[in-house]
C-alpha cells in the first residue's frame, strides 16, 4: 500500500517540526511538503496533490479557514484536517462546514494526530478528544 502523502501547513517552524516528529513514528506516512501561510499552502497542494493536508487555522495573510475552499477546489481528493491551538466547538464546526474531515487540537496532537490521519484517510470524520462533543455531520 502506498504511503499517505501529507502537506504540513503551520506558520511556526517549531510546530511543523513537532508534527513531523509525531508523524515520523509511522512508516506509512510521508510528508511531501510544508507551507508557512495559506497562499503557500494552496500552491503546495496544487503542485503536490497530497492525500491529506494538515492545516493550521491561524496563518498570516490567508488563514487556514480562508485557504480551505481553494485547497478543496484545486485538489478535491485531498482531505483537510485542521490542526490548531483553538479548542472552540464553534470554530471546529465552521471547519467541518468548509469541508474539513477533521480537527485536532494541538495539545491533543500527540495522542490524536495519527488516529485522525488514519480515520480521515479511510474517509471517516475525526474530532480531537477535547472537542468530541462537536457534531461530525
Protein backbone atom coordinates (compact mmCIF):
# COMPACT_ATOMS: atom_id res chain seq x y z
CA UNK A 1 0.00 0.00 0.00
CA UNK A 2 1.45 3.41 -0.91
CA UNK A 3 2.35 5.87 1.83
CA UNK A 4 -0.17 8.50 2.90
CA UNK A 5 1.15 11.73 1.36
CA UNK A 6 0.84 14.77 3.64
CA UNK A 7 1.42 18.50 3.35
CA UNK A 8 2.01 20.30 6.69
CA UNK A 9 0.83 23.90 6.96
CA UNK A 10 1.76 25.94 10.03
CA UNK A 11 3.37 29.35 10.32
CA UNK A 12 5.67 28.18 13.12
CA UNK A 13 8.66 26.08 12.07
CA UNK A 14 8.83 24.57 15.57
CA UNK A 15 5.21 23.40 15.28
CA UNK A 16 5.93 21.85 11.87
CA UNK A 17 8.95 20.04 13.34
CA UNK A 18 6.80 18.77 16.21
CA UNK A 19 4.16 17.48 13.82
CA UNK A 20 6.86 15.83 11.70
CA UNK A 21 8.15 14.16 14.85
CA UNK A 22 4.71 12.73 15.67
CA UNK A 23 4.24 11.58 12.07
CA UNK A 24 7.73 10.09 11.88
CA UNK A 25 6.78 7.10 14.02
CA UNK A 26 4.51 5.80 11.23
CA UNK A 27 6.40 4.46 8.18
CA UNK A 28 3.16 4.59 6.16
CA UNK A 29 3.14 8.40 6.28
CA UNK A 30 5.25 10.59 4.02
CA UNK A 31 5.47 14.37 4.47
CA UNK A 32 5.79 15.60 0.88
CA UNK A 33 5.69 19.33 1.54
CA UNK A 34 5.41 22.16 4.03
CA UNK A 35 3.98 25.66 3.93
CA UNK A 36 4.06 28.59 6.35
CA UNK A 37 0.96 30.50 5.18
CA UNK A 38 -2.33 30.00 3.38
CA UNK A 39 -1.18 31.20 -0.04
CA UNK A 40 1.87 28.93 0.04
CA UNK A 41 -0.38 26.07 1.17
CA UNK A 42 -2.66 26.47 -1.85
CA UNK A 43 0.37 26.44 -4.17
CA UNK A 44 1.95 23.39 -2.49
CA UNK A 45 -1.31 21.45 -2.62
CA UNK A 46 -1.76 22.39 -6.28
CA UNK A 47 1.77 21.16 -7.08
CA UNK A 48 1.79 18.02 -4.89
CA UNK A 49 -1.87 16.84 -4.71
CA UNK A 50 -1.40 15.20 -1.29
CA UNK A 51 -3.77 12.73 0.31
CA UNK A 52 -4.08 14.84 3.46
CA UNK A 53 -3.40 18.47 4.33
CA UNK A 54 -2.69 19.24 7.99
CA UNK A 55 -3.79 22.87 8.06
CA UNK A 56 -3.40 25.38 10.88
CA UNK A 57 -6.29 27.82 11.26
CA UNK A 58 -4.28 30.88 12.33
CA UNK A 59 -1.95 31.72 9.47
CA UNK A 60 -0.55 35.06 8.32
CA UNK A 61 -2.27 36.56 5.29
CA UNK A 62 -4.70 33.93 4.04
CA UNK A 63 -5.93 31.99 7.10
CA UNK A 64 -6.45 28.24 7.08
CA UNK A 65 -10.20 28.76 7.04
CA UNK A 66 -9.83 31.06 4.01
CA UNK A 67 -7.42 28.70 2.23
CA UNK A 68 -9.56 25.58 2.73
CA UNK A 69 -12.10 26.28 -0.08
CA UNK A 70 -9.28 26.90 -2.58
CA UNK A 71 -7.49 23.74 -1.49
CA UNK A 72 -10.68 21.71 -1.88
CA UNK A 73 -11.29 23.25 -5.29
CA UNK A 74 -7.82 22.59 -6.75
CA UNK A 75 -7.38 19.18 -5.14
CA UNK A 76 -10.80 17.68 -4.33
CA UNK A 77 -9.26 14.34 -3.32
CA UNK A 78 -7.02 15.97 -0.68
CA UNK A 79 -8.66 15.73 2.73
CA UNK A 80 -8.14 18.54 5.21
CA UNK A 81 -7.51 18.07 8.90
CA UNK A 82 -7.29 21.33 10.81
CA UNK A 83 -4.56 21.21 13.45
CA UNK A 84 -4.97 24.23 15.66
CA UNK A 85 -4.39 25.62 19.11
CA UNK A 86 -8.07 26.65 19.12
CA UNK A 87 -10.36 24.35 21.07
CA UNK A 88 -13.56 26.19 20.23
CA UNK A 89 -16.52 23.99 19.27
CA UNK A 90 -17.90 26.80 17.08
CA UNK A 91 -14.62 27.03 15.17
CA UNK A 92 -14.45 23.25 14.79
CA UNK A 93 -18.00 23.25 13.37
CA UNK A 94 -17.03 26.00 10.93
CA UNK A 95 -14.00 23.97 9.83
CA UNK A 96 -16.22 20.95 9.14
CA UNK A 97 -18.70 23.10 7.23
CA UNK A 98 -15.82 24.20 5.00
CA UNK A 99 -15.30 20.58 4.05
CA UNK A 100 -12.61 19.54 6.51
CA UNK A 101 -12.63 15.90 7.55
CA UNK A 102 -11.24 16.55 10.99
CA UNK A 103 -9.98 18.91 13.64
CA UNK A 104 -7.13 18.14 16.04
CA UNK A 105 -6.30 20.50 18.89
CA UNK A 106 -2.51 20.90 19.05
CA UNK A 107 -2.46 19.97 22.73
CA UNK A 108 -4.07 16.63 21.75
CA UNK A 109 -1.84 16.01 18.72
CA UNK A 110 0.48 13.56 20.47
CA UNK A 111 -2.50 11.32 21.24
CA UNK A 112 -4.86 12.08 18.36
CA UNK A 113 -2.95 13.02 15.22
CA UNK A 114 -2.09 9.56 13.92
CA UNK A 115 -5.61 8.31 14.69
CA UNK A 116 -7.03 11.33 12.86
CA UNK A 117 -4.91 10.68 9.78
CA UNK A 118 -5.88 7.01 9.75
CA UNK A 119 -9.60 7.78 10.11
CA UNK A 120 -9.61 10.58 7.55
CA UNK A 121 -7.58 8.54 5.07
CA UNK A 122 -10.32 5.90 5.33
CA UNK A 123 -12.98 8.52 4.60
CA UNK A 124 -14.18 8.99 8.17
CA UNK A 125 -14.52 12.22 10.13
CA UNK A 126 -12.38 12.81 13.22
CA UNK A 127 -12.64 15.22 16.13
CA UNK A 128 -9.93 15.74 18.73
CA UNK A 129 -10.69 14.37 22.20
CA UNK A 130 -11.02 17.93 23.54
CA UNK A 131 -13.84 18.56 21.02
CA UNK A 132 -15.63 15.20 20.96
CA UNK A 133 -18.97 16.86 21.69
CA UNK A 134 -18.92 18.56 18.25
CA UNK A 135 -21.35 17.01 15.78
CA UNK A 136 -19.47 15.30 12.94
CA UNK A 137 -22.14 15.50 10.24
